[in-house]
N, C-alpha and C. Protein backbone atom coordinates (compact mmCIF):
# COMPACT_ATOMS: atom_id res chain seq x y z
N MET A 1 -67.70 -90.32 -8.66
CA MET A 1 -66.88 -91.51 -8.64
C MET A 1 -65.98 -91.50 -9.87
N SER A 2 -64.71 -91.79 -9.65
CA SER A 2 -63.74 -91.72 -10.73
C SER A 2 -63.83 -92.95 -11.64
N PRO A 3 -63.37 -92.83 -12.88
CA PRO A 3 -63.38 -94.00 -13.78
C PRO A 3 -62.53 -95.15 -13.26
N THR A 4 -61.46 -94.83 -12.55
CA THR A 4 -60.61 -95.89 -11.99
C THR A 4 -61.38 -96.70 -10.95
N MET A 5 -62.15 -96.00 -10.13
CA MET A 5 -62.93 -96.69 -9.10
C MET A 5 -64.03 -97.55 -9.74
N ILE A 6 -64.66 -97.05 -10.79
CA ILE A 6 -65.69 -97.81 -11.49
C ILE A 6 -65.07 -99.07 -12.11
N PHE A 7 -63.89 -98.93 -12.71
CA PHE A 7 -63.20 -100.08 -13.31
C PHE A 7 -62.82 -101.09 -12.23
N PHE A 8 -62.35 -100.59 -11.08
CA PHE A 8 -61.98 -101.48 -9.99
C PHE A 8 -63.21 -102.25 -9.49
N ILE A 9 -64.33 -101.59 -9.34
CA ILE A 9 -65.55 -102.25 -8.87
C ILE A 9 -66.00 -103.29 -9.90
N LEU A 10 -65.90 -102.95 -11.17
CA LEU A 10 -66.28 -103.89 -12.23
C LEU A 10 -65.38 -105.14 -12.22
N ILE A 11 -64.08 -104.92 -12.14
CA ILE A 11 -63.14 -106.05 -12.10
C ILE A 11 -63.34 -106.86 -10.83
N GLY A 12 -63.60 -106.19 -9.70
CA GLY A 12 -63.87 -106.90 -8.45
C GLY A 12 -65.12 -107.75 -8.54
N ALA A 13 -66.15 -107.24 -9.21
CA ALA A 13 -67.39 -108.01 -9.38
C ALA A 13 -67.15 -109.23 -10.26
N VAL A 14 -66.36 -109.08 -11.33
CA VAL A 14 -66.05 -110.22 -12.19
C VAL A 14 -65.22 -111.24 -11.43
N SER A 15 -64.28 -110.77 -10.61
CA SER A 15 -63.46 -111.68 -9.81
C SER A 15 -64.31 -112.44 -8.80
N LEU A 16 -65.22 -111.74 -8.15
CA LEU A 16 -66.11 -112.39 -7.19
C LEU A 16 -67.03 -113.39 -7.88
N ALA A 17 -67.53 -113.04 -9.05
CA ALA A 17 -68.39 -113.96 -9.80
C ALA A 17 -67.60 -115.21 -10.22
N GLY A 18 -66.34 -115.02 -10.60
CA GLY A 18 -65.50 -116.16 -10.94
C GLY A 18 -65.26 -117.07 -9.74
N ALA A 19 -65.04 -116.47 -8.56
CA ALA A 19 -64.82 -117.26 -7.35
C ALA A 19 -66.07 -118.04 -6.97
N VAL A 20 -67.23 -117.41 -7.09
CA VAL A 20 -68.48 -118.11 -6.80
C VAL A 20 -68.70 -119.22 -7.83
N GLY A 21 -68.35 -118.95 -9.08
CA GLY A 21 -68.50 -119.96 -10.13
C GLY A 21 -67.63 -121.18 -9.89
N VAL A 22 -66.43 -120.98 -9.33
CA VAL A 22 -65.55 -122.11 -9.03
C VAL A 22 -66.22 -123.05 -8.04
N VAL A 23 -66.84 -122.48 -7.03
CA VAL A 23 -67.44 -123.30 -5.98
C VAL A 23 -68.80 -123.85 -6.40
N ALA A 24 -69.57 -123.07 -7.13
CA ALA A 24 -70.96 -123.44 -7.43
C ALA A 24 -71.10 -124.36 -8.63
N SER A 25 -70.13 -124.40 -9.52
CA SER A 25 -70.27 -125.19 -10.75
C SER A 25 -70.18 -126.67 -10.45
N ARG A 26 -71.03 -127.43 -11.13
CA ARG A 26 -71.04 -128.89 -10.97
C ARG A 26 -70.11 -129.57 -11.98
N GLN A 27 -69.68 -128.86 -13.00
CA GLN A 27 -68.76 -129.40 -14.00
C GLN A 27 -67.32 -129.01 -13.61
N PRO A 28 -66.44 -129.96 -13.41
CA PRO A 28 -65.06 -129.63 -13.03
C PRO A 28 -64.34 -128.75 -14.05
N VAL A 29 -64.62 -128.95 -15.33
CA VAL A 29 -63.96 -128.14 -16.35
C VAL A 29 -64.44 -126.69 -16.25
N HIS A 30 -65.73 -126.51 -16.00
CA HIS A 30 -66.24 -125.15 -15.83
C HIS A 30 -65.64 -124.48 -14.59
N SER A 31 -65.47 -125.25 -13.53
CA SER A 31 -64.84 -124.71 -12.33
C SER A 31 -63.42 -124.26 -12.62
N ALA A 32 -62.68 -125.04 -13.40
CA ALA A 32 -61.31 -124.66 -13.76
C ALA A 32 -61.30 -123.39 -14.61
N LEU A 33 -62.26 -123.25 -15.50
CA LEU A 33 -62.32 -122.04 -16.32
C LEU A 33 -62.74 -120.82 -15.49
N PHE A 34 -63.63 -121.01 -14.52
CA PHE A 34 -63.95 -119.91 -13.60
C PHE A 34 -62.71 -119.52 -12.79
N LEU A 35 -61.92 -120.52 -12.41
CA LEU A 35 -60.68 -120.24 -11.68
C LEU A 35 -59.71 -119.43 -12.54
N LEU A 36 -59.64 -119.77 -13.81
CA LEU A 36 -58.82 -118.99 -14.74
C LEU A 36 -59.30 -117.55 -14.82
N THR A 37 -60.60 -117.35 -14.89
CA THR A 37 -61.16 -116.00 -14.90
C THR A 37 -60.78 -115.24 -13.63
N ASN A 38 -60.87 -115.92 -12.50
CA ASN A 38 -60.51 -115.28 -11.24
C ASN A 38 -59.04 -114.89 -11.21
N PHE A 39 -58.17 -115.76 -11.68
CA PHE A 39 -56.74 -115.46 -11.69
C PHE A 39 -56.42 -114.28 -12.61
N VAL A 40 -57.07 -114.21 -13.76
CA VAL A 40 -56.80 -113.10 -14.69
C VAL A 40 -57.29 -111.78 -14.10
N THR A 41 -58.45 -111.79 -13.46
CA THR A 41 -58.93 -110.54 -12.86
C THR A 41 -58.04 -110.11 -11.69
N LEU A 42 -57.48 -111.06 -10.97
CA LEU A 42 -56.52 -110.70 -9.93
C LEU A 42 -55.27 -110.06 -10.53
N ALA A 43 -54.85 -110.56 -11.68
CA ALA A 43 -53.70 -109.95 -12.35
C ALA A 43 -54.01 -108.52 -12.78
N VAL A 44 -55.23 -108.29 -13.23
CA VAL A 44 -55.63 -106.93 -13.60
C VAL A 44 -55.61 -106.03 -12.36
N MET A 45 -56.05 -106.55 -11.24
CA MET A 45 -55.99 -105.76 -9.99
C MET A 45 -54.56 -105.45 -9.59
N TYR A 46 -53.65 -106.41 -9.78
CA TYR A 46 -52.24 -106.15 -9.50
C TYR A 46 -51.71 -105.03 -10.40
N ILE A 47 -52.10 -105.02 -11.65
CA ILE A 47 -51.66 -103.95 -12.55
C ILE A 47 -52.20 -102.62 -12.08
N MET A 48 -53.45 -102.61 -11.61
CA MET A 48 -54.02 -101.36 -11.11
C MET A 48 -53.28 -100.86 -9.87
N LEU A 49 -52.69 -101.78 -9.11
CA LEU A 49 -51.92 -101.40 -7.92
C LEU A 49 -50.46 -101.12 -8.25
N ASP A 50 -50.13 -101.07 -9.53
CA ASP A 50 -48.78 -100.79 -10.02
C ASP A 50 -47.79 -101.87 -9.60
N ALA A 51 -48.25 -103.12 -9.64
CA ALA A 51 -47.40 -104.26 -9.32
C ALA A 51 -47.33 -105.16 -10.55
N GLN A 52 -46.63 -104.71 -11.57
CA GLN A 52 -46.59 -105.41 -12.83
C GLN A 52 -45.92 -106.78 -12.72
N PHE A 53 -44.89 -106.88 -11.90
CA PHE A 53 -44.21 -108.16 -11.75
C PHE A 53 -45.15 -109.21 -11.15
N LEU A 54 -45.92 -108.81 -10.14
CA LEU A 54 -46.86 -109.75 -9.54
C LEU A 54 -47.96 -110.14 -10.53
N ALA A 55 -48.37 -109.20 -11.36
CA ALA A 55 -49.39 -109.51 -12.37
C ALA A 55 -48.84 -110.51 -13.38
N ALA A 56 -47.62 -110.30 -13.82
CA ALA A 56 -47.01 -111.23 -14.77
C ALA A 56 -46.83 -112.61 -14.14
N ALA A 57 -46.40 -112.65 -12.88
CA ALA A 57 -46.25 -113.93 -12.19
C ALA A 57 -47.60 -114.61 -12.01
N GLN A 58 -48.63 -113.83 -11.72
CA GLN A 58 -49.98 -114.38 -11.56
C GLN A 58 -50.44 -115.05 -12.86
N VAL A 59 -50.23 -114.38 -13.98
CA VAL A 59 -50.68 -114.93 -15.26
C VAL A 59 -49.83 -116.12 -15.67
N ILE A 60 -48.52 -116.02 -15.53
CA ILE A 60 -47.63 -117.08 -16.00
C ILE A 60 -47.76 -118.34 -15.11
N ILE A 61 -47.67 -118.15 -13.80
CA ILE A 61 -47.64 -119.30 -12.91
C ILE A 61 -49.03 -119.87 -12.68
N TYR A 62 -49.96 -119.03 -12.28
CA TYR A 62 -51.27 -119.55 -11.90
C TYR A 62 -52.17 -119.77 -13.11
N ALA A 63 -52.39 -118.72 -13.90
CA ALA A 63 -53.30 -118.86 -15.04
C ALA A 63 -52.70 -119.78 -16.10
N GLY A 64 -51.39 -119.70 -16.29
CA GLY A 64 -50.77 -120.52 -17.32
C GLY A 64 -50.41 -121.91 -16.88
N GLY A 65 -49.94 -122.06 -15.66
CA GLY A 65 -49.43 -123.35 -15.22
C GLY A 65 -50.41 -124.15 -14.39
N ILE A 66 -50.89 -123.56 -13.32
CA ILE A 66 -51.71 -124.30 -12.38
C ILE A 66 -53.05 -124.70 -13.00
N VAL A 67 -53.70 -123.78 -13.71
CA VAL A 67 -54.99 -124.11 -14.32
C VAL A 67 -54.83 -125.19 -15.38
N ILE A 68 -53.75 -125.13 -16.15
CA ILE A 68 -53.51 -126.17 -17.15
C ILE A 68 -53.27 -127.51 -16.46
N LEU A 69 -52.52 -127.52 -15.36
CA LEU A 69 -52.30 -128.75 -14.59
C LEU A 69 -53.62 -129.30 -14.06
N ILE A 70 -54.48 -128.42 -13.56
CA ILE A 70 -55.79 -128.85 -13.07
C ILE A 70 -56.61 -129.45 -14.21
N LEU A 71 -56.59 -128.82 -15.37
CA LEU A 71 -57.33 -129.35 -16.52
C LEU A 71 -56.79 -130.71 -16.95
N PHE A 72 -55.46 -130.90 -16.92
CA PHE A 72 -54.89 -132.21 -17.25
C PHE A 72 -55.36 -133.27 -16.26
N VAL A 73 -55.39 -132.93 -14.98
CA VAL A 73 -55.84 -133.90 -13.97
C VAL A 73 -57.31 -134.22 -14.19
N ILE A 74 -58.11 -133.22 -14.51
CA ILE A 74 -59.53 -133.46 -14.77
C ILE A 74 -59.68 -134.39 -15.97
N MET A 75 -58.89 -134.17 -17.00
CA MET A 75 -58.98 -135.04 -18.17
C MET A 75 -58.49 -136.46 -17.87
N LEU A 76 -57.52 -136.60 -16.97
CA LEU A 76 -57.02 -137.93 -16.62
C LEU A 76 -58.03 -138.73 -15.81
N ILE A 77 -58.64 -138.09 -14.83
CA ILE A 77 -59.54 -138.85 -13.95
C ILE A 77 -60.99 -138.79 -14.42
N GLY A 78 -61.26 -138.01 -15.45
CA GLY A 78 -62.62 -137.94 -15.98
C GLY A 78 -63.30 -136.65 -15.54
N GLY A 79 -64.02 -136.06 -16.44
CA GLY A 79 -64.66 -134.78 -16.16
C GLY A 79 -66.15 -134.93 -15.94
N ASP A 80 -66.56 -135.96 -15.21
CA ASP A 80 -67.98 -136.18 -14.96
C ASP A 80 -68.52 -135.10 -14.03
N ARG A 81 -69.85 -135.01 -14.01
CA ARG A 81 -70.49 -134.07 -13.10
C ARG A 81 -70.21 -134.48 -11.67
N ILE A 82 -70.13 -133.47 -10.82
CA ILE A 82 -69.96 -133.74 -9.40
C ILE A 82 -71.35 -133.86 -8.81
N GLY A 83 -71.66 -135.03 -8.31
CA GLY A 83 -73.00 -135.28 -7.80
C GLY A 83 -73.17 -134.76 -6.39
N GLY A 84 -74.42 -134.78 -5.94
CA GLY A 84 -74.73 -134.36 -4.58
C GLY A 84 -74.08 -135.28 -3.57
N GLY A 85 -74.04 -136.56 -3.90
CA GLY A 85 -73.31 -137.56 -3.11
C GLY A 85 -73.65 -137.55 -1.64
N SER A 86 -72.84 -138.22 -0.90
CA SER A 86 -73.03 -138.29 0.54
C SER A 86 -72.14 -137.26 1.20
N ALA A 87 -72.65 -136.06 1.33
CA ALA A 87 -71.90 -134.99 1.97
C ALA A 87 -71.88 -135.21 3.48
N ARG A 88 -70.81 -134.88 4.08
CA ARG A 88 -70.71 -135.00 5.52
C ARG A 88 -71.61 -133.94 6.17
N ILE A 89 -72.13 -134.24 7.32
CA ILE A 89 -73.05 -133.33 7.99
C ILE A 89 -72.32 -132.10 8.53
N TRP A 90 -71.03 -132.22 8.77
CA TRP A 90 -70.29 -131.11 9.36
C TRP A 90 -69.71 -130.16 8.33
N PHE A 91 -69.83 -130.46 7.04
CA PHE A 91 -69.28 -129.57 6.00
C PHE A 91 -69.83 -128.15 6.07
N PRO A 92 -71.16 -127.95 6.17
CA PRO A 92 -71.65 -126.57 6.23
C PRO A 92 -71.13 -125.81 7.46
N TYR A 93 -71.03 -126.51 8.59
CA TYR A 93 -70.56 -125.85 9.80
C TYR A 93 -69.08 -125.47 9.69
N ALA A 94 -68.31 -126.35 9.09
CA ALA A 94 -66.89 -126.04 8.88
C ALA A 94 -66.74 -124.86 7.92
N GLY A 95 -67.59 -124.82 6.88
CA GLY A 95 -67.56 -123.70 5.94
C GLY A 95 -67.91 -122.38 6.61
N ILE A 96 -68.93 -122.40 7.47
CA ILE A 96 -69.33 -121.18 8.18
C ILE A 96 -68.22 -120.75 9.13
N LEU A 97 -67.63 -121.71 9.84
CA LEU A 97 -66.54 -121.37 10.76
C LEU A 97 -65.34 -120.77 10.03
N LEU A 98 -64.97 -121.38 8.91
CA LEU A 98 -63.85 -120.85 8.13
C LEU A 98 -64.18 -119.49 7.53
N GLY A 99 -65.44 -119.27 7.12
CA GLY A 99 -65.85 -117.97 6.60
C GLY A 99 -65.77 -116.90 7.66
N VAL A 100 -66.23 -117.20 8.88
CA VAL A 100 -66.15 -116.23 9.99
C VAL A 100 -64.69 -115.94 10.32
N LEU A 101 -63.85 -116.97 10.31
CA LEU A 101 -62.42 -116.78 10.56
C LEU A 101 -61.80 -115.89 9.49
N LEU A 102 -62.14 -116.12 8.23
CA LEU A 102 -61.61 -115.30 7.15
C LEU A 102 -62.05 -113.85 7.28
N ILE A 103 -63.32 -113.62 7.57
CA ILE A 103 -63.82 -112.26 7.71
C ILE A 103 -63.17 -111.56 8.90
N SER A 104 -62.99 -112.27 10.01
CA SER A 104 -62.34 -111.64 11.17
C SER A 104 -60.88 -111.31 10.88
N LEU A 105 -60.18 -112.18 10.14
CA LEU A 105 -58.80 -111.86 9.77
C LEU A 105 -58.73 -110.67 8.81
N MET A 106 -59.70 -110.57 7.91
CA MET A 106 -59.73 -109.43 7.00
C MET A 106 -59.99 -108.14 7.76
N VAL A 107 -60.91 -108.15 8.74
CA VAL A 107 -61.20 -106.96 9.55
C VAL A 107 -59.97 -106.58 10.37
N TYR A 108 -59.30 -107.57 10.95
CA TYR A 108 -58.08 -107.30 11.72
C TYR A 108 -57.00 -106.70 10.83
N SER A 109 -56.82 -107.26 9.66
CA SER A 109 -55.80 -106.76 8.74
C SER A 109 -56.12 -105.35 8.28
N TYR A 110 -57.40 -105.08 8.01
CA TYR A 110 -57.79 -103.73 7.60
C TYR A 110 -57.58 -102.74 8.74
N ALA A 111 -57.95 -103.14 9.96
CA ALA A 111 -57.78 -102.24 11.10
C ALA A 111 -56.30 -101.96 11.36
N THR A 112 -55.47 -102.97 11.22
CA THR A 112 -54.03 -102.78 11.41
C THR A 112 -53.46 -101.86 10.35
N ALA A 113 -53.90 -102.03 9.11
CA ALA A 113 -53.40 -101.18 8.03
C ALA A 113 -53.93 -99.77 8.14
N ALA A 114 -55.17 -99.62 8.57
CA ALA A 114 -55.77 -98.28 8.63
C ALA A 114 -55.23 -97.47 9.79
N PHE A 115 -54.97 -98.09 10.92
CA PHE A 115 -54.57 -97.35 12.10
C PHE A 115 -53.11 -97.55 12.48
N GLY A 116 -52.40 -98.36 11.72
CA GLY A 116 -51.00 -98.61 12.00
C GLY A 116 -50.10 -97.60 11.33
N ALA A 117 -48.82 -97.90 11.31
CA ALA A 117 -47.84 -97.02 10.67
C ALA A 117 -47.98 -97.10 9.16
N PRO A 118 -47.71 -96.01 8.45
CA PRO A 118 -47.78 -96.06 6.99
C PRO A 118 -46.70 -96.99 6.43
N PRO A 119 -46.96 -97.61 5.29
CA PRO A 119 -45.98 -98.55 4.72
C PRO A 119 -44.70 -97.83 4.30
N THR A 120 -43.60 -98.55 4.36
CA THR A 120 -42.33 -97.98 3.96
C THR A 120 -42.21 -97.96 2.45
N GLY A 121 -41.21 -97.28 1.94
CA GLY A 121 -41.03 -97.16 0.49
C GLY A 121 -40.73 -98.48 -0.18
N ALA A 122 -40.06 -99.41 0.52
CA ALA A 122 -39.71 -100.69 -0.09
C ALA A 122 -40.95 -101.54 -0.34
N ILE A 123 -41.96 -101.38 0.49
CA ILE A 123 -43.16 -102.19 0.34
C ILE A 123 -43.97 -101.75 -0.87
N VAL A 124 -44.03 -100.45 -1.13
CA VAL A 124 -44.90 -99.94 -2.19
C VAL A 124 -44.15 -99.71 -3.50
N GLN A 125 -43.09 -100.45 -3.75
CA GLN A 125 -42.35 -100.29 -4.99
C GLN A 125 -42.98 -101.04 -6.14
N GLY A 126 -44.17 -101.56 -5.96
CA GLY A 126 -44.88 -102.17 -7.06
C GLY A 126 -44.42 -103.56 -7.44
N GLY A 127 -43.92 -104.31 -6.51
CA GLY A 127 -43.53 -105.67 -6.83
C GLY A 127 -42.22 -105.78 -7.60
N VAL A 128 -41.28 -104.90 -7.32
CA VAL A 128 -39.96 -104.97 -7.95
C VAL A 128 -39.34 -106.31 -7.54
N PRO A 129 -38.85 -107.08 -8.50
CA PRO A 129 -38.37 -108.43 -8.17
C PRO A 129 -37.31 -108.47 -7.07
N GLU A 130 -36.39 -107.52 -7.04
CA GLU A 130 -35.34 -107.55 -6.03
C GLU A 130 -35.92 -107.38 -4.63
N VAL A 131 -36.78 -106.39 -4.46
CA VAL A 131 -37.39 -106.14 -3.14
C VAL A 131 -38.30 -107.30 -2.76
N LEU A 132 -39.05 -107.80 -3.74
CA LEU A 132 -39.95 -108.91 -3.48
C LEU A 132 -39.17 -110.16 -3.08
N GLY A 133 -38.08 -110.45 -3.77
CA GLY A 133 -37.27 -111.63 -3.45
C GLY A 133 -36.63 -111.53 -2.08
N ILE A 134 -36.08 -110.38 -1.75
CA ILE A 134 -35.45 -110.21 -0.43
C ILE A 134 -36.48 -110.36 0.67
N THR A 135 -37.65 -109.74 0.49
CA THR A 135 -38.70 -109.85 1.50
C THR A 135 -39.22 -111.28 1.61
N LEU A 136 -39.39 -111.93 0.47
CA LEU A 136 -39.95 -113.28 0.46
C LEU A 136 -39.01 -114.29 1.10
N PHE A 137 -37.71 -114.16 0.84
CA PHE A 137 -36.77 -115.16 1.34
C PHE A 137 -36.11 -114.79 2.66
N THR A 138 -36.51 -113.69 3.27
CA THR A 138 -36.02 -113.37 4.61
C THR A 138 -37.16 -113.35 5.61
N ARG A 139 -38.07 -112.43 5.42
CA ARG A 139 -39.15 -112.25 6.39
C ARG A 139 -40.23 -113.33 6.26
N TYR A 140 -40.54 -113.74 5.04
CA TYR A 140 -41.65 -114.67 4.81
C TYR A 140 -41.17 -116.04 4.32
N ILE A 141 -40.04 -116.51 4.82
CA ILE A 141 -39.51 -117.79 4.34
C ILE A 141 -40.36 -118.96 4.81
N LEU A 142 -40.89 -118.91 6.03
CA LEU A 142 -41.71 -120.02 6.52
C LEU A 142 -43.00 -120.18 5.72
N PRO A 143 -43.78 -119.11 5.49
CA PRO A 143 -44.97 -119.30 4.65
C PRO A 143 -44.62 -119.74 3.23
N PHE A 144 -43.50 -119.26 2.70
CA PHE A 144 -43.07 -119.66 1.36
C PHE A 144 -42.80 -121.16 1.31
N GLU A 145 -42.13 -121.68 2.31
CA GLU A 145 -41.84 -123.12 2.36
C GLU A 145 -43.11 -123.92 2.60
N MET A 146 -44.04 -123.40 3.38
CA MET A 146 -45.29 -124.09 3.62
C MET A 146 -46.12 -124.20 2.33
N VAL A 147 -46.09 -123.16 1.52
CA VAL A 147 -46.79 -123.21 0.23
C VAL A 147 -46.13 -124.25 -0.67
N ALA A 148 -44.81 -124.34 -0.64
CA ALA A 148 -44.12 -125.34 -1.44
C ALA A 148 -44.52 -126.75 -1.01
N ILE A 149 -44.62 -126.98 0.29
CA ILE A 149 -45.03 -128.30 0.80
C ILE A 149 -46.47 -128.58 0.41
N LEU A 150 -47.33 -127.56 0.50
CA LEU A 150 -48.73 -127.73 0.12
C LEU A 150 -48.87 -128.10 -1.35
N LEU A 151 -48.09 -127.46 -2.22
CA LEU A 151 -48.13 -127.79 -3.64
C LEU A 151 -47.61 -129.20 -3.90
N LEU A 152 -46.60 -129.62 -3.16
CA LEU A 152 -46.08 -130.98 -3.29
C LEU A 152 -47.14 -132.00 -2.88
N VAL A 153 -47.82 -131.76 -1.77
CA VAL A 153 -48.87 -132.67 -1.32
C VAL A 153 -50.02 -132.70 -2.33
N ALA A 154 -50.37 -131.55 -2.91
CA ALA A 154 -51.42 -131.51 -3.93
C ALA A 154 -51.02 -132.32 -5.17
N LEU A 155 -49.76 -132.23 -5.56
CA LEU A 155 -49.28 -132.99 -6.70
C LEU A 155 -49.33 -134.49 -6.43
N ILE A 156 -48.91 -134.89 -5.24
CA ILE A 156 -48.96 -136.31 -4.89
C ILE A 156 -50.41 -136.79 -4.83
N GLY A 157 -51.30 -135.96 -4.29
CA GLY A 157 -52.72 -136.32 -4.25
C GLY A 157 -53.31 -136.47 -5.64
N ALA A 158 -52.92 -135.57 -6.56
CA ALA A 158 -53.41 -135.67 -7.94
C ALA A 158 -52.90 -136.95 -8.60
N LEU A 159 -51.66 -137.31 -8.32
CA LEU A 159 -51.12 -138.55 -8.88
C LEU A 159 -51.85 -139.77 -8.33
N LEU A 160 -52.16 -139.76 -7.05
CA LEU A 160 -52.88 -140.89 -6.47
C LEU A 160 -54.31 -140.98 -7.00
N LEU A 161 -54.93 -139.83 -7.24
CA LEU A 161 -56.28 -139.85 -7.80
C LEU A 161 -56.30 -140.33 -9.25
N ALA A 162 -55.25 -140.01 -9.99
CA ALA A 162 -55.22 -140.37 -11.40
C ALA A 162 -54.76 -141.81 -11.63
N ARG A 163 -54.21 -142.44 -10.62
CA ARG A 163 -53.71 -143.80 -10.76
C ARG A 163 -54.86 -144.77 -10.97
N ARG A 164 -54.73 -145.63 -11.93
CA ARG A 164 -55.75 -146.64 -12.23
C ARG A 164 -55.54 -147.84 -11.31
N PRO A 165 -56.63 -148.45 -10.84
CA PRO A 165 -56.47 -149.65 -10.01
C PRO A 165 -55.95 -150.81 -10.86
N LYS A 166 -55.16 -151.65 -10.24
CA LYS A 166 -54.62 -152.81 -10.96
C LYS A 166 -55.71 -153.85 -11.16
N ILE A 167 -55.75 -154.39 -12.37
CA ILE A 167 -56.72 -155.45 -12.69
C ILE A 167 -55.99 -156.78 -12.59
N GLU A 168 -56.50 -157.61 -11.71
CA GLU A 168 -55.86 -158.91 -11.49
C GLU A 168 -56.23 -159.89 -12.58
N ASP A 169 -55.29 -160.66 -13.02
CA ASP A 169 -55.55 -161.69 -14.02
C ASP A 169 -56.20 -162.90 -13.34
N LYS A 170 -57.30 -163.35 -13.90
CA LYS A 170 -58.01 -164.50 -13.32
C LYS A 170 -57.79 -165.77 -14.15
N ALA A 171 -56.69 -165.84 -14.88
CA ALA A 171 -56.43 -166.99 -15.73
C ALA A 171 -55.69 -168.08 -14.99
């Protein structure tokens, strides 16, 4: 086994541990820090794939911006422990269904990549901004816009969660 493969497995294990830590942690601040770890390890994987632009964007936008925004929201609404609370009975079933869907999409994507046509030269240019921008704003414009709408809804939700209830004067 080559040193590159050993490094990739090590980084993959740290990334997977960070993802599990995001979900399993009861402290919101710890979850945000596990998310930061996951984002940084993904950037390292991008560098290993010779996609330096994507790695820089991952660190600047997600690790630098989104995680800090999440931490600000946690500090605004309070960083108390997340209790067991009244969980809905259908949550585990929805999680299992979404997990099976994710695994089936990953198998389909792997099968398509393994038995399909080899990628063109423009795709494997390592995240060159010009090629990435043209591809993003022509072929993938709908998913790009959907992500923008999702981020807008998340921002509005964070604002609604952070809003303090009005205290009525009883004088």
